[in-house]
Amino acid sequence: MSEHWYTRDGKSSHTRLTKKGTERATTLRDARVEGLLPSVSSILNEAHSPELERYKQSRLLDACLKFTPDAFSTTEEWKKAIREEADREMVEAQQFGTAFHKAMETGEQIDGMDVLVASTKGAMDKLALDGLEIIEQEVVLVSKDMGYAGTTDVRYIRNARNGILDFKTTKTTAGEPVLLKMSHKAQIAAYHHAAFPWLNPWEREGINVYVSKTEPGRVDVVKYTAEELEIAWQWFDACARLWRIRRGYDPRKEVVS
């Protein structure tokens, strides 16, 4: 899986053009030469996720049941079809999330997004009544001292506290709580440290707004305390250290030509 990268002044640098004029993913080699910063999500991929691993295994098993080896000329072709089928749902989920964020940001009518956007805006209206004031939306945040960058959905102020809010599209089951992930909380903590490096730990707060893809109209608002974000920050920091060690690249250091 390719990683996402940013320049030190906060511009996305996920891809680049080849000499033939085609687009390719930015590589670790490119990052070393140009002093690029990894995205928050790239760093968080270092953490083991039992839920994600079980999901991937389930997708592989489903794909194996869908395609039999005798339908392909070679075993390698069968394996390729299995991998592509197993990855398909994850790719579609990413595309769905991207479309939802675009619809929220621009208000553009996108097929299948009207109910989700309307319910999410209803949740945001309730948060506004609770004192939440949006300061910026779709904000690129850079932490040069920690060596990372990323884009968050909302920077806000509520009850004199600075906060970060991020939207997540997810599958839910009626009558059951939304599945919370430490990586989502750690993502908010990382954005918080990049946006407000001067704040004391107890002055922070964060919110995830979970939008259901399987129950139209369902939105779960999960608020994180300063104490929860401090623990999540330690988790992110551990992932960042592991990321640097595995790649032999420390993006905290400026490139010297």
C-alpha atoms as a PDB file:
ATOM      1  CA  MET A   1       0.000   0.000   0.000  1.00  0.00           C
ATOM      2  CA  SER A   2       1.418   3.391  -1.015  1.00  0.00           C
ATOM      3  CA  GLU A   3       1.869   6.081   1.620  1.00  0.00           C
ATOM      4  CA  HIS A   4       0.632   9.653   1.521  1.00  0.00           C
ATOM      5  CA  TRP A   5       3.119  12.500   1.767  1.00  0.00           C
ATOM      6  CA  TYR A   6       3.142  16.275   2.299  1.00  0.00           C
ATOM      7  CA  THR A   7       5.696  19.009   1.716  1.00  0.00           C
ATOM      8  CA  ARG A   8       6.966  20.868   4.756  1.00  0.00           C
ATOM      9  CA  ASP A   9       4.736  23.838   3.901  1.00  0.00           C
ATOM     10  CA  GLY A  10       1.612  21.655   3.892  1.00  0.00           C
ATOM     11  CA  LYS A  11       1.042  20.837   0.225  1.00  0.00           C
ATOM     12  CA  SER A  12      -0.022  17.314  -0.685  1.00  0.00           C
ATOM     13  CA  SER A  13       2.612  15.341  -2.574  1.00  0.00           C
ATOM     14  CA  HIS A  14       0.959  11.927  -2.862  1.00  0.00           C
ATOM     15  CA  THR A  15       1.810  11.447  -6.552  1.00  0.00           C
ATOM     16  CA  ARG A  16       4.079  12.781  -9.250  1.00  0.00           C
ATOM     17  CA  LEU A  17       4.390  12.657 -13.036  1.00  0.00           C
ATOM     18  CA  THR A  18       6.783  10.294 -14.788  1.00  0.00           C
ATOM     19  CA  LYS A  19       8.842  11.244 -17.844  1.00  0.00           C
ATOM     20  CA  LYS A  20       6.130   9.611 -19.946  1.00  0.00           C
ATOM     21  CA  GLY A  21       3.505  11.929 -18.447  1.00  0.00           C
ATOM     22  CA  THR A  22       1.776   9.248 -16.392  1.00  0.00           C
ATOM     23  CA  GLU A  23       1.128   9.492 -12.656  1.00  0.00           C
ATOM     24  CA  ARG A  24       2.828   7.322 -10.034  1.00  0.00           C
ATOM     25  CA  ALA A  25       2.739   7.144  -6.256  1.00  0.00           C
ATOM     26  CA  THR A  26       5.368   9.075  -4.320  1.00  0.00           C
ATOM     27  CA  THR A  27       8.004   6.732  -2.894  1.00  0.00           C
ATOM     28  CA  LEU A  28      10.128   6.704   0.247  1.00  0.00           C
ATOM     29  CA  ARG A  29      13.117   7.507  -1.970  1.00  0.00           C
ATOM     30  CA  ASP A  30      11.357  10.651  -3.226  1.00  0.00           C
ATOM     31  CA  ALA A  31      10.547  11.612   0.360  1.00  0.00           C
ATOM     32  CA  ARG A  32      14.157  11.271   1.502  1.00  0.00           C
ATOM     33  CA  VAL A  33      15.419  13.458  -1.351  1.00  0.00           C
ATOM     34  CA  GLU A  34      12.765  16.148  -0.884  1.00  0.00           C
ATOM     35  CA  GLY A  35      12.334  15.991   2.904  1.00  0.00           C
ATOM     36  CA  LEU A  36       8.646  15.110   2.675  1.00  0.00           C
ATOM     37  CA  LEU A  37       6.468  14.422   5.717  1.00  0.00           C
ATOM     38  CA  PRO A  38       4.331  11.259   6.047  1.00  0.00           C
ATOM     39  CA  SER A  39       0.613  11.582   6.627  1.00  0.00           C
ATOM     40  CA  VAL A  40      -0.948  10.840  10.001  1.00  0.00           C
ATOM     41  CA  SER A  41      -2.789   7.847   8.523  1.00  0.00           C
ATOM     42  CA  SER A  42       0.452   6.436   7.072  1.00  0.00           C
ATOM     43  CA  ILE A  43       2.046   6.521  10.524  1.00  0.00           C
ATOM     44  CA  LEU A  44      -0.993   4.933  12.174  1.00  0.00           C
ATOM     45  CA  ASN A  45      -0.776   2.004   9.749  1.00  0.00           C
ATOM     46  CA  GLU A  46       2.215   0.840  11.789  1.00  0.00           C
ATOM     47  CA  ALA A  47      -0.089  -0.273  14.597  1.00  0.00           C
ATOM     48  CA  HIS A  48      -1.438  -3.806  14.586  1.00  0.00           C
ATOM     49  CA  SER A  49      -5.231  -3.859  14.276  1.00  0.00           C
ATOM     50  CA  PRO A  50      -6.845  -7.211  15.160  1.00  0.00           C
ATOM     51  CA  GLU A  51     -10.203  -6.009  13.805  1.00  0.00           C
ATOM     52  CA  LEU A  52      -8.647  -5.041  10.454  1.00  0.00           C
ATOM     53  CA  GLU A  53      -6.746  -8.326  10.198  1.00  0.00           C
ATOM     54  CA  ARG A  54      -9.914 -10.339  10.856  1.00  0.00           C
ATOM     55  CA  TYR A  55     -11.721  -8.283   8.227  1.00  0.00           C
ATOM     56  CA  LYS A  56      -8.965  -8.908   5.651  1.00  0.00           C
ATOM     57  CA  GLN A  57      -8.966 -12.638   6.386  1.00  0.00           C
ATOM     58  CA  SER A  58     -12.746 -12.740   6.010  1.00  0.00           C
ATOM     59  CA  ARG A  59     -12.528 -10.964   2.647  1.00  0.00           C
ATOM     60  CA  LEU A  60      -9.879 -13.451   1.437  1.00  0.00           C
ATOM     61  CA  LEU A  61     -12.027 -16.411   2.454  1.00  0.00           C
ATOM     62  CA  ASP A  62     -15.067 -14.923   0.696  1.00  0.00           C
ATOM     63  CA  ALA A  63     -12.995 -14.412  -2.462  1.00  0.00           C
ATOM     64  CA  CYS A  64     -11.725 -18.005  -2.327  1.00  0.00           C
ATOM     65  CA  LEU A  65     -15.319 -19.235  -2.226  1.00  0.00           C
ATOM     66  CA  LYS A  66     -16.242 -17.025  -5.180  1.00  0.00           C
ATOM     67  CA  PHE A  67     -13.430 -18.151  -7.499  1.00  0.00           C
ATOM     68  CA  THR A  68     -12.340 -21.770  -7.969  1.00  0.00           C
ATOM     69  CA  PRO A  69      -8.809 -22.599  -9.204  1.00  0.00           C
ATOM     70  CA  ASP A  70     -10.019 -24.614 -12.193  1.00  0.00           C
ATOM     71  CA  ALA A  71     -11.550 -21.464 -13.708  1.00  0.00           C
ATOM     72  CA  PHE A  72      -8.065 -20.012 -14.336  1.00  0.00           C
ATOM     73  CA  SER A  73      -5.193 -20.969 -16.606  1.00  0.00           C
ATOM     74  CA  THR A  74      -2.582 -20.800 -13.859  1.00  0.00           C
ATOM     75  CA  THR A  75      -2.441 -20.752 -10.072  1.00  0.00           C
ATOM     76  CA  GLU A  76      -0.900 -17.270 -10.204  1.00  0.00           C
ATOM     77  CA  GLU A  77      -3.870 -15.916 -12.164  1.00  0.00           C
ATOM     78  CA  TRP A  78      -6.221 -17.411  -9.570  1.00  0.00           C
ATOM     79  CA  LYS A  79      -4.242 -15.837  -6.718  1.00  0.00           C
ATOM     80  CA  LYS A  80      -4.318 -12.465  -8.492  1.00  0.00           C
ATOM     81  CA  ALA A  81      -8.101 -12.647  -8.872  1.00  0.00           C
ATOM     82  CA  ILE A  82      -8.467 -13.566  -5.200  1.00  0.00           C
ATOM     83  CA  ARG A  83      -6.357 -10.598  -4.071  1.00  0.00           C
ATOM     84  CA  GLU A  84      -8.196  -8.152  -6.334  1.00  0.00           C
ATOM     85  CA  GLU A  85     -11.598  -9.361  -5.124  1.00  0.00           C
ATOM     86  CA  ALA A  86     -10.489  -9.210  -1.482  1.00  0.00           C
ATOM     87  CA  ASP A  87      -9.248  -5.632  -1.936  1.00  0.00           C
ATOM     88  CA  ARG A  88     -12.297  -4.459  -3.887  1.00  0.00           C
ATOM     89  CA  GLU A  89     -14.500  -3.676  -0.882  1.00  0.00           C
ATOM     90  CA  MET A  90     -11.722  -1.718   0.842  1.00  0.00           C
ATOM     91  CA  VAL A  91     -11.148   0.347  -2.309  1.00  0.00           C
ATOM     92  CA  GLU A  92     -14.892   0.985  -2.624  1.00  0.00           C
ATOM     93  CA  ALA A  93     -15.036   2.016   1.043  1.00  0.00           C
ATOM     94  CA  GLN A  94     -12.223   4.525   0.465  1.00  0.00           C
ATOM     95  CA  GLN A  95     -13.982   5.903  -2.618  1.00  0.00           C
ATOM     96  CA  PHE A  96     -17.234   6.176  -0.673  1.00  0.00           C
ATOM     97  CA  GLY A  97     -15.508   8.083   2.140  1.00  0.00           C
ATOM     98  CA  THR A  98     -13.852  10.447  -0.351  1.00  0.00           C
ATOM     99  CA  ALA A  99     -17.196  11.153  -2.055  1.00  0.00           C
ATOM    100  CA  PHE A 100     -18.874  11.804   1.300  1.00  0.00           C
ATOM    101  CA  HIS A 101     -16.181  14.280   2.366  1.00  0.00           C
ATOM    102  CA  LYS A 102     -16.464  16.058  -0.982  1.00  0.00           C
ATOM    103  CA  ALA A 103     -20.246  16.321  -0.608  1.00  0.00           C
ATOM    104  CA  MET A 104     -19.866  17.719   2.922  1.00  0.00           C
ATOM    105  CA  GLU A 105     -17.226  20.229   1.836  1.00  0.00           C
ATOM    106  CA  THR A 106     -18.804  21.531  -1.381  1.00  0.00           C
ATOM    107  CA  GLY A 107     -22.520  20.817  -0.947  1.00  0.00           C
ATOM    108  CA  GLU A 108     -22.435  19.225  -4.399  1.00  0.00           C
ATOM    109  CA  GLN A 109     -25.178  16.658  -5.025  1.00  0.00           C
ATOM    110  CA  ILE A 110     -23.535  13.239  -5.296  1.00  0.00           C
ATOM    111  CA  ASP A 111     -25.591  10.086  -5.892  1.00  0.00           C
ATOM    112  CA  GLY A 112     -26.365   8.287  -2.654  1.00  0.00           C
ATOM    113  CA  MET A 113     -24.967  11.038  -0.433  1.00  0.00           C
ATOM    114  CA  ASP A 114     -27.987  13.295   0.160  1.00  0.00           C
ATOM    115  CA  VAL A 115     -29.367  11.404   3.180  1.00  0.00           C
ATOM    116  CA  LEU A 116     -25.913  11.011   4.748  1.00  0.00           C
ATOM    117  CA  VAL A 117     -25.015  14.668   4.295  1.00  0.00           C
ATOM    118  CA  ALA A 118     -28.401  15.873   5.603  1.00  0.00           C
ATOM    119  CA  SER A 119     -28.193  13.718   8.732  1.00  0.00           C
ATOM    120  CA  THR A 120     -24.590  14.752   9.361  1.00  0.00           C
ATOM    121  CA  LYS A 121     -25.418  18.438   9.038  1.00  0.00           C
ATOM    122  CA  GLY A 122     -28.262  17.852  11.500  1.00  0.00           C
ATOM    123  CA  ALA A 123     -25.746  16.465  13.978  1.00  0.00           C
ATOM    124  CA  MET A 124     -23.461  19.451  13.388  1.00  0.00           C
ATOM    125  CA  ASP A 125     -26.391  21.818  14.048  1.00  0.00           C
ATOM    126  CA  LYS A 126     -26.933  20.107  17.420  1.00  0.00           C
ATOM    127  CA  LEU A 127     -23.241  20.491  18.235  1.00  0.00           C
ATOM    128  CA  ALA A 128     -23.502  24.188  17.370  1.00  0.00           C
ATOM    129  CA  LEU A 129     -26.355  24.504  19.874  1.00  0.00           C
ATOM    130  CA  ASP A 130     -23.987  22.850  22.369  1.00  0.00           C
ATOM    131  CA  GLY A 131     -21.537  25.721  21.873  1.00  0.00           C
ATOM    132  CA  LEU A 132     -19.362  24.383  19.043  1.00  0.00           C
ATOM    133  CA  GLU A 133     -18.033  27.143  16.756  1.00  0.00           C
ATOM    134  CA  ILE A 134     -16.315  26.076  13.527  1.00  0.00           C
ATOM    135  CA  ILE A 135     -13.084  27.997  12.895  1.00  0.00           C
ATOM    136  CA  GLU A 136     -11.744  26.196   9.814  1.00  0.00           C
ATOM    137  CA  GLN A 137     -12.745  23.285   7.570  1.00  0.00           C
ATOM    138  CA  GLU A 138     -10.585  20.924   5.485  1.00  0.00           C
ATOM    139  CA  VAL A 139      -7.429  22.087   7.263  1.00  0.00           C
ATOM    140  CA  VAL A 140      -3.951  20.818   6.362  1.00  0.00           C
ATOM    141  CA  LEU A 141      -1.943  20.598   9.577  1.00  0.00           C
ATOM    142  CA  VAL A 142       1.857  20.273   9.747  1.00  0.00           C
ATOM    143  CA  SER A 143       4.050  19.275  12.672  1.00  0.00           C
ATOM    144  CA  LYS A 144       7.659  19.828  11.587  1.00  0.00           C
ATOM    145  CA  ASP A 145       9.050  19.085  15.044  1.00  0.00           C
ATOM    146  CA  MET A 146       7.345  15.658  15.093  1.00  0.00           C
ATOM    147  CA  GLY A 147       7.681  15.037  11.354  1.00  0.00           C
ATOM    148  CA  TYR A 148       4.153  14.496  10.022  1.00  0.00           C
ATOM    149  CA  ALA A 149       1.211  16.232   8.358  1.00  0.00           C
ATOM    150  CA  GLY A 150      -2.438  15.553   7.550  1.00  0.00           C
ATOM    151  CA  THR A 151      -5.826  16.987   6.670  1.00  0.00           C
ATOM    152  CA  THR A 152      -8.620  17.210   9.222  1.00  0.00           C
ATOM    153  CA  ASP A 153     -12.263  18.073   8.628  1.00  0.00           C
ATOM    154  CA  VAL A 154     -12.924  20.735  11.273  1.00  0.00           C
ATOM    155  CA  ARG A 155     -10.997  22.903  13.709  1.00  0.00           C
ATOM    156  CA  TYR A 156     -13.354  24.357  16.305  1.00  0.00           C
ATOM    157  CA  ILE A 157     -13.759  26.132  19.648  1.00  0.00           C
ATOM    158  CA  ARG A 158     -16.260  24.958  22.290  1.00  0.00           C
ATOM    159  CA  ASN A 159     -16.559  26.272  25.833  1.00  0.00           C
ATOM    160  CA  ALA A 160     -13.221  28.099  25.427  1.00  0.00           C
ATOM    161  CA  ARG A 161     -11.495  24.833  24.465  1.00  0.00           C
ATOM    162  CA  ASN A 162      -9.780  24.257  21.120  1.00  0.00           C
ATOM    163  CA  GLY A 163     -10.857  21.082  19.367  1.00  0.00           C
ATOM    164  CA  ILE A 164     -10.530  18.867  16.303  1.00  0.00           C
ATOM    165  CA  LEU A 165     -13.508  17.129  14.659  1.00  0.00           C
ATOM    166  CA  ASP A 166     -13.275  14.397  12.043  1.00  0.00           C
ATOM    167  CA  PHE A 167     -16.008  12.621  10.054  1.00  0.00           C
ATOM    168  CA  LYS A 168     -15.947   8.837   9.574  1.00  0.00           C
ATOM    169  CA  THR A 169     -18.232   6.797   7.338  1.00  0.00           C
ATOM    170  CA  THR A 170     -18.786   3.321   8.755  1.00  0.00           C
ATOM    171  CA  LYS A 171     -21.036   0.257   8.770  1.00  0.00           C
ATOM    172  CA  THR A 172     -23.344  -0.094  11.767  1.00  0.00           C
ATOM    173  CA  THR A 173     -25.830  -2.645  13.064  1.00  0.00           C
ATOM    174  CA  ALA A 174     -29.231  -1.616  14.409  1.00  0.00           C
ATOM    175  CA  GLY A 175     -29.340  -1.640  18.197  1.00  0.00           C
ATOM    176  CA  GLU A 176     -25.566  -1.946  18.570  1.00  0.00           C
ATOM    177  CA  PRO A 177     -23.078   0.832  19.400  1.00  0.00           C
ATOM    178  CA  VAL A 178     -20.703   2.113  16.733  1.00  0.00           C
ATOM    179  CA  LEU A 179     -17.344   0.319  16.670  1.00  0.00           C
ATOM    180  CA  LEU A 180     -14.750   2.707  18.108  1.00  0.00           C
ATOM    181  CA  LYS A 181     -11.103   2.463  17.028  1.00  0.00           C
ATOM    182  CA  MET A 182      -8.029   3.697  18.875  1.00  0.00           C
ATOM    183  CA  SER A 183      -6.576   4.832  15.536  1.00  0.00           C
ATOM    184  CA  HIS A 184      -9.431   7.330  15.103  1.00  0.00           C
ATOM    185  CA  LYS A 185      -8.783   8.798  18.533  1.00  0.00           C
ATOM    186  CA  ALA A 186      -5.017   8.858  17.893  1.00  0.00           C
ATOM    187  CA  GLN A 187      -5.618  10.621  14.588  1.00  0.00           C
ATOM    188  CA  ILE A 188      -7.485  13.395  16.395  1.00  0.00           C
ATOM    189  CA  ALA A 189      -4.695  13.627  18.991  1.00  0.00           C
ATOM    190  CA  ALA A 190      -2.064  13.962  16.249  1.00  0.00           C
ATOM    191  CA  TYR A 191      -4.035  16.689  14.475  1.00  0.00           C
ATOM    192  CA  HIS A 192      -4.483  18.432  17.821  1.00  0.00           C
ATOM    193  CA  HIS A 193      -0.742  18.551  18.524  1.00  0.00           C
ATOM    194  CA  ALA A 194      -0.072  19.891  15.033  1.00  0.00           C
ATOM    195  CA  ALA A 195      -2.793  22.552  15.249  1.00  0.00           C
ATOM    196  CA  PHE A 196      -2.271  23.665  18.861  1.00  0.00           C
ATOM    197  CA  PRO A 197       1.297  22.779  19.934  1.00  0.00           C
ATOM    198  CA  TRP A 198       1.200  25.451  22.658  1.00  0.00           C
ATOM    199  CA  LEU A 199      -1.783  23.993  24.504  1.00  0.00           C
ATOM    200  CA  ASN A 200      -1.469  22.157  27.786  1.00  0.00           C
ATOM    201  CA  PRO A 201      -2.743  18.553  27.586  1.00  0.00           C
ATOM    202  CA  TRP A 202      -5.765  19.309  29.803  1.00  0.00           C
ATOM    203  CA  GLU A 203      -6.944  22.082  27.444  1.00  0.00           C
ATOM    204  CA  ARG A 204      -7.695  19.727  24.549  1.00  0.00           C
ATOM    205  CA  GLU A 205     -10.834  17.987  23.303  1.00  0.00           C
ATOM    206  CA  GLY A 206     -11.886  16.150  20.167  1.00  0.00           C
ATOM    207  CA  ILE A 207     -14.907  14.705  18.372  1.00  0.00           C
ATOM    208  CA  ASN A 208     -15.521  11.942  15.843  1.00  0.00           C
ATOM    209  CA  VAL A 209     -18.798  12.066  13.927  1.00  0.00           C
ATOM    210  CA  TYR A 210     -19.579   8.539  12.702  1.00  0.00           C
ATOM    211  CA  VAL A 211     -21.953   8.433   9.716  1.00  0.00           C
ATOM    212  CA  SER A 212     -23.595   5.074   9.036  1.00  0.00           C
ATOM    213  CA  LYS A 213     -23.488   3.640   5.509  1.00  0.00           C
ATOM    214  CA  THR A 214     -25.870   0.818   6.390  1.00  0.00           C
ATOM    215  CA  GLU A 215     -28.495   2.703   8.462  1.00  0.00           C
ATOM    216  CA  PRO A 216     -29.416   5.871   6.520  1.00  0.00           C
ATOM    217  CA  GLY A 217     -29.877   8.784   8.902  1.00  0.00           C
ATOM    218  CA  ARG A 218     -27.879   7.302  11.780  1.00  0.00           C
ATOM    219  CA  VAL A 219     -25.091   9.523  13.108  1.00  0.00           C
ATOM    220  CA  ASP A 220     -23.094   8.822  16.275  1.00  0.00           C
ATOM    221  CA  VAL A 221     -21.197  11.684  17.920  1.00  0.00           C
ATOM    222  CA  VAL A 222     -18.273  10.535  20.085  1.00  0.00           C
ATOM    223  CA  LYS A 223     -16.489  13.123  22.238  1.00  0.00           C
ATOM    224  CA  TYR A 224     -12.987  12.633  23.642  1.00  0.00           C
ATOM    225  CA  THR A 225     -11.719  14.166  26.860  1.00  0.00           C
ATOM    226  CA  ALA A 226      -8.285  15.692  27.359  1.00  0.00           C
ATOM    227  CA  GLU A 227      -7.237  12.590  29.315  1.00  0.00           C
ATOM    228  CA  GLU A 228      -8.312  10.259  26.486  1.00  0.00           C
ATOM    229  CA  LEU A 229      -6.466  12.346  23.900  1.00  0.00           C
ATOM    230  CA  GLU A 230      -3.267  12.319  25.978  1.00  0.00           C
ATOM    231  CA  ILE A 231      -3.255   8.506  26.015  1.00  0.00           C
ATOM    232  CA  ALA A 232      -4.065   8.457  22.281  1.00  0.00           C
ATOM    233  CA  TRP A 233      -1.168  10.862  21.645  1.00  0.00           C
ATOM    234  CA  GLN A 234       1.258   8.491  23.369  1.00  0.00           C
ATOM    235  CA  TRP A 235      -0.085   5.717  21.123  1.00  0.00           C
ATOM    236  CA  PHE A 236       0.486   7.848  18.007  1.00  0.00           C
ATOM    237  CA  ASP A 237       3.972   8.843  19.180  1.00  0.00           C
ATOM    238  CA  ALA A 238       4.899   5.150  19.551  1.00  0.00           C
ATOM    239  CA  CYS A 239       3.665   4.489  15.993  1.00  0.00           C
ATOM    240  CA  ALA A 240       5.723   7.445  14.710  1.00  0.00           C
ATOM    241  CA  ARG A 241       8.895   6.114  16.347  1.00  0.00           C
ATOM    242  CA  LEU A 242       8.293   2.673  14.850  1.00  0.00           C
ATOM    243  CA  TRP A 243       7.605   4.243  11.433  1.00  0.00           C
ATOM    244  CA  ARG A 244      10.974   6.084  11.516  1.00  0.00           C
ATOM    245  CA  ILE A 245      12.926   3.020  12.651  1.00  0.00           C
ATOM    246  CA  ARG A 246      11.463   0.700  10.025  1.00  0.00           C
ATOM    247  CA  ARG A 247      12.227   3.090   7.172  1.00  0.00           C
ATOM    248  CA  GLY A 248      15.516   4.493   8.390  1.00  0.00           C
ATOM    249  CA  TYR A 249      14.168   7.959   7.671  1.00  0.00           C
ATOM    250  CA  ASP A 250      13.596  10.752  10.187  1.00  0.00           C
ATOM    251  CA  PRO A 251      11.318  13.404   8.628  1.00  0.00           C
ATOM    252  CA  ARG A 252      11.838  15.676  11.648  1.00  0.00           C
ATOM    253  CA  LYS A 253      15.224  16.654  10.217  1.00  0.00           C
ATOM    254  CA  GLU A 254      15.553  19.222   7.476  1.00  0.00           C
ATOM    255  CA  VAL A 255      17.180  18.083   4.220  1.00  0.00           C
ATOM    256  CA  VAL A 256      20.587  19.697   3.728  1.00  0.00           C
ATOM    257  CA  SER A 257      21.611  19.934   0.075  1.00  0.00           C
END
